[in-house]
C-alpha atoms as a PDB file:
ATOM      1  CA  MET A   1      18.757 -37.156  26.514  1.00  0.00           C
ATOM      2  CA  THR A   2      19.564 -34.944  24.712  1.00  0.00           C
ATOM      3  CA  HIS A   3      19.256 -31.040  25.136  1.00  0.00           C
ATOM      4  CA  PRO A   4      18.253 -28.164  22.758  1.00  0.00           C
ATOM      5  CA  ALA A   5      21.172 -26.131  21.482  1.00  0.00           C
ATOM      6  CA  PRO A   6      21.412 -22.262  23.071  1.00  0.00           C
ATOM      7  CA  ASN A   7      21.157 -20.918  20.037  1.00  0.00           C
ATOM      8  CA  PHE A   8      17.801 -22.809  19.237  1.00  0.00           C
ATOM      9  CA  LEU A   9      16.117 -21.749  22.648  1.00  0.00           C
ATOM     10  CA  LEU A  10      17.777 -18.209  22.189  1.00  0.00           C
ATOM     11  CA  GLY A  11      15.712 -18.368  18.870  1.00  0.00           C
ATOM     12  CA  ARG A  12      12.906 -19.649  20.121  1.00  0.00           C
ATOM     13  CA  ARG A  13      12.817 -16.861  22.782  1.00  0.00           C
ATOM     14  CA  LEU A  14      13.577 -13.971  20.284  1.00  0.00           C
ATOM     15  CA  LEU A  15      10.427 -14.948  17.890  1.00  0.00           C
ATOM     16  CA  LEU A  16       8.068 -15.516  21.341  1.00  0.00           C
ATOM     17  CA  ALA A  17       9.479 -12.059  22.406  1.00  0.00           C
ATOM     18  CA  ALA A  18       9.044 -10.691  18.817  1.00  0.00           C
ATOM     19  CA  ALA A  19       5.494 -12.016  18.529  1.00  0.00           C
ATOM     20  CA  PRO A  20       2.944 -10.087  20.429  1.00  0.00           C
ATOM     21  CA  ALA A  21       5.046  -6.965  18.158  1.00  0.00           C
ATOM     22  CA  PHE A  22       3.979  -9.020  15.139  1.00  0.00           C
ATOM     23  CA  PHE A  23       0.554  -9.494  16.177  1.00  0.00           C
ATOM     24  CA  ALA A  24      -0.165  -6.030  16.992  1.00  0.00           C
ATOM     25  CA  LEU A  25       0.382  -4.251  13.896  1.00  0.00           C
ATOM     26  CA  PRO A  26      -2.227  -3.403  11.515  1.00  0.00           C
ATOM     27  CA  ALA A  27      -4.086  -6.221  10.086  1.00  0.00           C
ATOM     28  CA  LEU A  28      -3.906  -4.861   6.747  1.00  0.00           C
ATOM     29  CA  ALA A  29      -2.976  -8.229   5.043  1.00  0.00           C
ATOM     30  CA  ASP A  30      -6.775  -9.222   6.292  1.00  0.00           C
ATOM     31  CA  VAL A  31      -7.912  -6.979   3.971  1.00  0.00           C
ATOM     32  CA  GLY A  32      -7.904  -9.682   0.816  1.00  0.00           C
ATOM     33  CA  PRO A  33     -10.048 -10.164  -2.428  1.00  0.00           C
ATOM     34  CA  GLU A  34     -11.900 -13.037  -0.254  1.00  0.00           C
ATOM     35  CA  LEU A  35     -13.578 -10.243   1.727  1.00  0.00           C
ATOM     36  CA  LEU A  36     -15.188  -8.218  -1.395  1.00  0.00           C
ATOM     37  CA  LYS A  37     -18.375 -10.307  -1.836  1.00  0.00           C
ATOM     38  CA  GLY A  38     -22.200  -8.606  -2.589  1.00  0.00           C
ATOM     39  CA  SER A  39     -22.379  -5.081  -3.636  1.00  0.00           C
ATOM     40  CA  LEU A  40     -18.274  -4.666  -2.237  1.00  0.00           C
ATOM     41  CA  ALA A  41     -17.416  -7.282  -5.019  1.00  0.00           C
ATOM     42  CA  LYS A  42     -16.603  -4.351  -7.388  1.00  0.00           C
ATOM     43  CA  PHE A  43     -14.316  -2.856  -4.465  1.00  0.00           C
ATOM     44  CA  GLN A  44     -10.691  -2.796  -5.989  1.00  0.00           C
ATOM     45  CA  LEU A  45      -7.712  -3.397  -4.033  1.00  0.00           C
ATOM     46  CA  ALA A  46      -4.662  -0.976  -4.337  1.00  0.00           C
ATOM     47  CA  LYS A  47      -1.980  -2.209  -6.100  1.00  0.00           C
ATOM     48  CA  ASP A  48       0.385  -0.365  -3.429  1.00  0.00           C
ATOM     49  CA  ARG A  49      -0.478   1.249  -0.340  1.00  0.00           C
ATOM     50  CA  HIS A  50       0.783   4.565  -1.471  1.00  0.00           C
ATOM     51  CA  PRO A  51       0.148   7.743   0.831  1.00  0.00           C
ATOM     52  CA  MET A  52      -2.858   9.746  -0.408  1.00  0.00           C
ATOM     53  CA  PRO A  53      -2.258  13.489  -1.862  1.00  0.00           C
ATOM     54  CA  GLU A  54      -3.308  16.244   0.967  1.00  0.00           C
ATOM     55  CA  PHE A  55      -5.992  18.176   0.270  1.00  0.00           C
ATOM     56  CA  ALA A  56      -7.798  21.162   1.536  1.00  0.00           C
ATOM     57  CA  PHE A  57     -12.004  20.862   2.677  1.00  0.00           C
ATOM     58  CA  THR A  58     -13.933  22.161   5.319  1.00  0.00           C
ATOM     59  CA  ASP A  59     -17.028  21.065   7.491  1.00  0.00           C
ATOM     60  CA  GLY A  60     -20.362  22.423   7.329  1.00  0.00           C
ATOM     61  CA  ASP A  61     -19.187  25.270   9.742  1.00  0.00           C
ATOM     62  CA  ASP A  62     -16.255  26.440   7.196  1.00  0.00           C
ATOM     63  CA  LYS A  63     -13.729  24.786   9.789  1.00  0.00           C
ATOM     64  CA  PRO A  64     -10.957  24.172   7.369  1.00  0.00           C
ATOM     65  CA  LEU A  65      -9.967  20.450   7.626  1.00  0.00           C
ATOM     66  CA  LYS A  66      -7.114  18.398   5.635  1.00  0.00           C
ATOM     67  CA  LEU A  67      -7.141  14.674   5.272  1.00  0.00           C
ATOM     68  CA  ALA A  68      -4.294  14.198   8.032  1.00  0.00           C
ATOM     69  CA  ASP A  69      -6.159  15.262  10.584  1.00  0.00           C
ATOM     70  CA  TYR A  70      -7.831  11.928  11.016  1.00  0.00           C
ATOM     71  CA  LYS A  71      -4.549  10.030  10.740  1.00  0.00           C
ATOM     72  CA  GLY A  72      -4.689   7.303  13.314  1.00  0.00           C
ATOM     73  CA  LYS A  73      -8.083   6.268  12.005  1.00  0.00           C
ATOM     74  CA  VAL A  74      -9.320   4.286   9.040  1.00  0.00           C
ATOM     75  CA  VAL A  75     -11.489   6.785   6.294  1.00  0.00           C
ATOM     76  CA  LEU A  76     -14.286   5.737   4.339  1.00  0.00           C
ATOM     77  CA  LEU A  77     -13.690   8.964   1.519  1.00  0.00           C
ATOM     78  CA  ASN A  78     -17.087   9.577   0.181  1.00  0.00           C
ATOM     79  CA  PHE A  79     -17.342  11.418  -2.865  1.00  0.00           C
ATOM     80  CA  TRP A  80     -21.013  12.085  -3.323  1.00  0.00           C
ATOM     81  CA  ALA A  81     -23.626  15.294  -4.190  1.00  0.00           C
ATOM     82  CA  THR A  82     -27.105  15.475  -3.146  1.00  0.00           C
ATOM     83  CA  TRP A  83     -28.321  15.765  -7.079  1.00  0.00           C
ATOM     84  CA  CYS A  84     -26.787  12.240  -7.854  1.00  0.00           C
ATOM     85  CA  VAL A  85     -29.167  10.060  -7.279  1.00  0.00           C
ATOM     86  CA  PRO A  86     -27.160   6.922  -6.612  1.00  0.00           C
ATOM     87  CA  CYS A  87     -25.657   8.983  -4.157  1.00  0.00           C
ATOM     88  CA  VAL A  88     -28.416   9.549  -2.318  1.00  0.00           C
ATOM     89  CA  LYS A  89     -29.622   6.433  -2.601  1.00  0.00           C
ATOM     90  CA  GLU A  90     -26.133   5.217  -0.890  1.00  0.00           C
ATOM     91  CA  MET A  91     -26.383   7.635   1.802  1.00  0.00           C
ATOM     92  CA  PRO A  92     -28.199   5.769   4.686  1.00  0.00           C
ATOM     93  CA  SER A  93     -25.829   3.011   4.763  1.00  0.00           C
ATOM     94  CA  LEU A  94     -22.978   5.242   4.817  1.00  0.00           C
ATOM     95  CA  ASN A  95     -24.691   6.164   8.235  1.00  0.00           C
ATOM     96  CA  GLY A  96     -26.204   2.828   9.261  1.00  0.00           C
ATOM     97  CA  LEU A  97     -21.964   1.811   9.073  1.00  0.00           C
ATOM     98  CA  GLN A  98     -20.498   4.613  10.876  1.00  0.00           C
ATOM     99  CA  GLY A  99     -22.881   4.059  13.569  1.00  0.00           C
ATOM    100  CA  GLU A 100     -21.632  -0.277  13.492  1.00  0.00           C
ATOM    101  CA  MET A 101     -18.297   1.190  14.012  1.00  0.00           C
ATOM    102  CA  ASP A 102     -16.250   2.707  16.753  1.00  0.00           C
ATOM    103  CA  LYS A 103     -15.861   6.483  16.318  1.00  0.00           C
ATOM    104  CA  SER A 104     -12.375   6.248  17.575  1.00  0.00           C
ATOM    105  CA  LYS A 105     -10.757   3.865  15.160  1.00  0.00           C
ATOM    106  CA  PHE A 106     -13.118   4.843  12.206  1.00  0.00           C
ATOM    107  CA  MET A 107     -14.810   7.520   9.901  1.00  0.00           C
ATOM    108  CA  VAL A 108     -17.016   8.118   7.214  1.00  0.00           C
ATOM    109  CA  LEU A 109     -15.950  10.801   5.570  1.00  0.00           C
ATOM    110  CA  PRO A 110     -18.833  11.840   2.995  1.00  0.00           C
ATOM    111  CA  LEU A 111     -17.345  14.922   1.121  1.00  0.00           C
ATOM    112  CA  SER A 112     -19.989  16.591  -0.859  1.00  0.00           C
ATOM    113  CA  LEU A 113     -19.510  17.966  -4.306  1.00  0.00           C
ATOM    114  CA  ASP A 114     -22.268  20.446  -3.817  1.00  0.00           C
ATOM    115  CA  GLY A 115     -21.483  23.660  -5.481  1.00  0.00           C
ATOM    116  CA  PRO A 116     -24.277  25.908  -5.930  1.00  0.00           C
ATOM    117  CA  SER A 117     -26.685  23.370  -4.268  1.00  0.00           C
ATOM    118  CA  ARG A 118     -24.415  23.504  -1.258  1.00  0.00           C
ATOM    119  CA  PRO A 119     -27.377  25.167   1.277  1.00  0.00           C
ATOM    120  CA  LYS A 120     -29.333  22.101   0.612  1.00  0.00           C
ATOM    121  CA  VAL A 121     -27.151  19.719   2.169  1.00  0.00           C
ATOM    122  CA  ALA A 122     -28.022  20.500   6.019  1.00  0.00           C
ATOM    123  CA  PRO A 123     -32.148  20.138   5.449  1.00  0.00           C
ATOM    124  CA  PHE A 124     -31.042  16.859   3.011  1.00  0.00           C
ATOM    125  CA  TYR A 125     -29.096  15.311   6.209  1.00  0.00           C
ATOM    126  CA  GLU A 126     -32.129  16.207   8.440  1.00  0.00           C
ATOM    127  CA  THR A 127     -34.789  14.651   6.578  1.00  0.00           C
ATOM    128  CA  ARG A 128     -33.194  11.714   5.793  1.00  0.00           C
ATOM    129  CA  LYS A 129     -32.121  11.303   9.757  1.00  0.00           C
ATOM    130  CA  LEU A 130     -28.082  11.093   8.844  1.00  0.00           C
ATOM    131  CA  THR A 131     -27.013  11.539  12.243  1.00  0.00           C
ATOM    132  CA  ASN A 132     -23.764   9.371  12.171  1.00  0.00           C
ATOM    133  CA  LEU A 133     -22.723  11.552   9.591  1.00  0.00           C
ATOM    134  CA  GLY A 134     -20.428  14.770   8.878  1.00  0.00           C
ATOM    135  CA  ILE A 135     -20.923  17.398   6.594  1.00  0.00           C
ATOM    136  CA  PHE A 136     -17.967  18.108   4.759  1.00  0.00           C
ATOM    137  CA  PHE A 137     -17.578  19.903   1.039  1.00  0.00           C
ATOM    138  CA  ASP A 138     -14.702  20.190  -1.062  1.00  0.00           C
ATOM    139  CA  LYS A 139     -14.409  24.293  -0.907  1.00  0.00           C
ATOM    140  CA  ASN A 140     -11.427  24.299  -3.747  1.00  0.00           C
ATOM    141  CA  ARG A 141     -13.658  21.593  -5.839  1.00  0.00           C
ATOM    142  CA  LYS A 142     -10.417  19.642  -6.591  1.00  0.00           C
ATOM    143  CA  ALA A 143     -10.711  16.967  -4.821  1.00  0.00           C
ATOM    144  CA  MET A 144     -11.800  14.184  -7.450  1.00  0.00           C
ATOM    145  CA  SER A 145      -8.591  15.384  -9.737  1.00  0.00           C
ATOM    146  CA  THR A 146      -6.572  15.478  -7.053  1.00  0.00           C
ATOM    147  CA  PHE A 147      -7.763  11.533  -6.083  1.00  0.00           C
ATOM    148  CA  ASP A 148      -8.505  10.676  -9.506  1.00  0.00           C
ATOM    149  CA  VAL A 149     -12.083  10.579  -9.076  1.00  0.00           C
ATOM    150  CA  SER A 150     -14.685  10.546 -12.468  1.00  0.00           C
ATOM    151  CA  VAL A 151     -17.937   8.650 -11.638  1.00  0.00           C
ATOM    152  CA  LEU A 152     -20.360   9.363  -8.417  1.00  0.00           C
ATOM    153  CA  PRO A 153     -20.151   8.042  -6.057  1.00  0.00           C
ATOM    154  CA  THR A 154     -16.696   7.024  -5.372  1.00  0.00           C
ATOM    155  CA  SER A 155     -15.239   5.745  -2.079  1.00  0.00           C
ATOM    156  CA  ILE A 156     -11.587   5.202  -1.122  1.00  0.00           C
ATOM    157  CA  LEU A 157     -10.791   3.043   2.023  1.00  0.00           C
ATOM    158  CA  ILE A 158      -7.697   4.621   3.327  1.00  0.00           C
ATOM    159  CA  ASP A 159      -5.751   3.239   6.180  1.00  0.00           C
ATOM    160  CA  ALA A 160      -4.820   4.574   9.522  1.00  0.00           C
ATOM    161  CA  GLN A 161      -1.292   5.406   8.512  1.00  0.00           C
ATOM    162  CA  GLY A 162      -3.099   7.448   5.441  1.00  0.00           C
ATOM    163  CA  ARG A 163      -2.111   5.115   2.627  1.00  0.00           C
ATOM    164  CA  GLU A 164      -4.838   3.771  -0.223  1.00  0.00           C
ATOM    165  CA  ILE A 165      -6.220   0.426   0.501  1.00  0.00           C
ATOM    166  CA  GLY A 166      -8.878   0.250  -2.251  1.00  0.00           C
ATOM    167  CA  ARG A 167     -12.106   1.904  -3.597  1.00  0.00           C
ATOM    168  CA  ILE A 168     -15.265   1.271  -5.185  1.00  0.00           C
ATOM    169  CA  GLU A 169     -16.761   3.368  -7.882  1.00  0.00           C
ATOM    170  CA  GLY A 170     -20.369   3.491  -7.779  1.00  0.00           C
ATOM    171  CA  GLU A 171     -22.652   2.738  -5.004  1.00  0.00           C
ATOM    172  CA  ALA A 172     -22.538   0.042  -2.496  1.00  0.00           C
ATOM    173  CA  ASP A 173     -24.654  -1.243   0.547  1.00  0.00           C
ATOM    174  CA  TRP A 174     -22.428  -0.376   3.439  1.00  0.00           C
ATOM    175  CA  ASP A 175     -24.265  -1.320   6.171  1.00  0.00           C
ATOM    176  CA  LYS A 176     -24.331  -4.806   4.791  1.00  0.00           C
ATOM    177  CA  PRO A 177     -22.291  -8.309   6.587  1.00  0.00           C
ATOM    178  CA  GLU A 178     -19.948  -7.909   4.482  1.00  0.00           C
ATOM    179  CA  SER A 179     -19.310  -4.046   4.195  1.00  0.00           C
ATOM    180  CA  LEU A 180     -18.610  -4.236   8.233  1.00  0.00           C
ATOM    181  CA  ALA A 181     -15.983  -7.379   8.149  1.00  0.00           C
ATOM    182  CA  LEU A 182     -14.251  -5.144   5.374  1.00  0.00           C
ATOM    183  CA  MET A 183     -14.216  -2.010   7.768  1.00  0.00           C
ATOM    184  CA  LYS A 184     -13.393  -4.518  10.893  1.00  0.00           C
ATOM    185  CA  ALA A 185     -10.491  -5.513   9.013  1.00  0.00           C
ATOM    186  CA  ALA A 186      -9.539  -2.523   8.093  1.00  0.00           C
ATOM    187  CA  VAL A 187      -9.212  -1.273  11.574  1.00  0.00           C
ATOM    188  CA  GLY A 188      -7.774  -4.270  12.620  1.00  0.00           C
END
């Protein structure tokens, strides 16, 4: 009877010891084109996971915030406005998505580009019962150029390390099974 060489056993032990750490890594490899179905067929995966640029914005109470404040969470950054018809149509599904996801790991960040129409945002949320979403504003009106956004709505999925996973231009059905699957894969 032959016994495995000591180096082989050591290699197996190292592999088994490293396995839990490997599987604990964020499941970004699980975010692939096979998840991009239905209304997410237009979702474009980022070619490289580059860090998102920093920018300043405010919440509904004018509290200053920055994207780095949400590091550690997967963020779906949604550019929208009350005067944008597809944006208005999409908001209930974003609300539904946030309601399905663990708020400690995932956040929909709807960034309103309403300037002069800013006073309409809170009543808009109230009449449409958007209770799962926070109110956020691009106070300096620079976010669209910072993130190279030219179409409303546009949504950018950002991983917990602050890197772009991908984006979609135009509206999507965010509370559908394919959207939930994509977000759960991003959270890991």
